[in-house]
Protein backbone atom coordinates (compact mmCIF):
# COMPACT_ATOMS: atom_id res chain seq x y z
CA PRO A 1 -41.98 -9.36 13.16
CA LEU A 2 -40.05 -8.05 10.16
CA GLN A 3 -38.65 -4.99 11.98
CA ARG A 4 -36.80 -7.26 14.43
CA ARG A 5 -35.24 -9.46 11.74
CA VAL A 6 -33.82 -6.66 9.64
CA PRO A 7 -30.50 -5.09 10.72
CA LYS A 8 -30.57 -1.65 12.14
CA ARG A 9 -27.18 -0.50 11.01
CA GLY A 10 -25.35 -0.01 7.76
CA PHE A 11 -23.89 -2.92 5.59
CA VAL A 12 -20.61 -4.47 6.37
CA ASN A 13 -18.62 -5.77 3.35
CA ILE A 14 -17.25 -9.37 4.42
CA HIS A 15 -15.20 -9.41 1.36
CA ARG A 16 -13.46 -6.12 1.78
CA GLU A 17 -9.70 -6.18 1.37
CA PRO A 18 -7.88 -3.76 3.58
CA VAL A 19 -5.39 -1.48 2.13
CA HIS A 20 -2.21 -0.75 4.42
CA GLY A 21 -0.46 2.52 4.03
CA VAL A 22 3.21 3.07 4.27
CA ASN A 23 4.63 6.65 4.34
CA VAL A 24 7.59 7.68 2.15
CA GLY A 25 9.62 8.97 5.12
CA ARG A 26 9.82 5.22 6.45
CA LEU A 27 11.39 4.19 2.99
CA ALA A 28 14.52 6.33 3.26
CA GLY A 29 15.86 4.59 6.35
CA ALA A 30 15.06 1.06 5.27
CA PHE A 31 16.18 1.02 1.59
CA GLN A 32 19.37 2.34 -0.10
CA ALA A 33 19.80 3.81 -3.44
CA GLY A 34 18.75 1.73 -6.31
CA ASP A 35 16.66 -0.81 -4.26
CA VAL A 36 13.36 -2.06 -5.40
CA VAL A 37 10.30 -1.56 -3.17
CA THR A 38 7.74 -4.41 -3.26
CA VAL A 39 5.18 -5.85 -0.81
CA ASP A 40 7.72 -8.62 -0.03
CA SER A 41 10.59 -6.34 0.69
CA LEU A 42 8.54 -4.07 2.95
CA ARG A 43 7.47 -7.17 4.83
CA GLU A 44 11.11 -8.38 5.16
CA ARG A 45 12.14 -5.01 6.70
CA GLY A 46 9.43 -5.08 9.22
CA LEU A 47 7.37 -2.27 7.62
CA LEU A 48 4.29 -4.15 7.21
CA PRO A 49 2.51 -7.01 9.05
CA LYS A 50 2.27 -10.50 7.51
CA ARG A 51 -1.41 -10.29 6.57
CA ALA A 52 -0.93 -7.18 4.35
CA ARG A 53 -1.71 -7.79 0.83
CA LEU A 54 -2.73 -4.62 -0.73
CA VAL A 55 -0.26 -1.67 0.07
CA LYS A 56 -0.65 2.04 -0.81
CA LEU A 57 2.50 4.59 -0.66
CA LEU A 58 1.51 7.58 1.15
CA GLY A 59 3.31 11.06 0.93
CA ASP A 60 4.22 11.88 4.68
CA GLY A 61 7.84 12.54 5.19
CA GLU A 62 10.77 13.18 2.93
CA ILE A 63 12.92 10.86 0.81
CA THR A 64 16.43 11.62 -0.80
CA VAL A 65 17.30 8.21 -2.18
CA SER A 66 16.36 6.97 -5.48
CA LEU A 67 13.97 3.93 -5.41
CA LYS A 68 11.99 2.01 -7.75
CA VAL A 69 8.53 1.57 -6.29
CA GLN A 70 6.17 -1.30 -7.19
CA LEU A 71 2.98 -1.10 -5.06
CA HIS A 72 -0.71 -1.50 -5.51
CA GLY A 73 -1.55 2.22 -4.91
CA VAL A 74 0.47 5.52 -4.71
CA SER A 75 -0.81 9.02 -3.54
CA GLU A 76 -0.02 11.97 -5.73
CA SER A 77 2.25 13.55 -3.36
CA ALA A 78 4.20 10.32 -2.79
CA ARG A 79 4.75 9.91 -6.63
CA GLN A 80 6.06 13.46 -6.87
CA LYS A 81 8.64 12.92 -3.89
CA VAL A 82 9.87 9.66 -5.25
CA GLU A 83 10.24 11.00 -8.67
CA ALA A 84 11.97 14.13 -7.51
CA ALA A 85 14.49 12.09 -5.69
CA GLY A 86 15.36 10.22 -8.97
CA GLY A 87 13.20 7.11 -8.50
CA SER A 88 10.26 5.46 -10.41
CA VAL A 89 6.82 4.29 -9.52
CA GLU A 90 4.95 1.45 -10.94
CA VAL A 91 1.37 0.75 -9.88
CA LEU A 92 0.41 -2.80 -9.69
CA GLY A 93 -2.88 -4.56 -10.11
CA GLN A 94 -4.84 -6.47 -7.52
CA PRO A 95 -3.50 -9.83 -6.27
CA ALA A 96 -4.81 -12.87 -7.91
CA ALA A 97 -6.70 -14.09 -4.99
CA ALA A 98 -8.43 -10.74 -4.50
CA GLU A 99 -9.57 -10.84 -8.29
CA ALA A 100 -10.86 -14.35 -7.95
CA ALA A 101 -12.96 -13.39 -4.93
CA ALA A 102 -14.49 -10.34 -6.79
């Protein structure tokens, strides 16, 4: 019967790309003034797992060093904290593999 063949729960998108979050407070201890924060530099310092492709900067914590942030997403509170410390924020597009899958 049809009611047995149709799933009973919601839809699960198998192509979903998870977005990993990094808090502003963790950047202050890992980077020095003037450093560029990218996905690769976060991975080198052990702040991201190897499988992380999309990264969003979140606003929890305080930052006092001036950094140049280049990530895929930034919350408004994180943007304000980085710019108040004298840094800059650049939002990147999706990685090429994620665009090709879409």
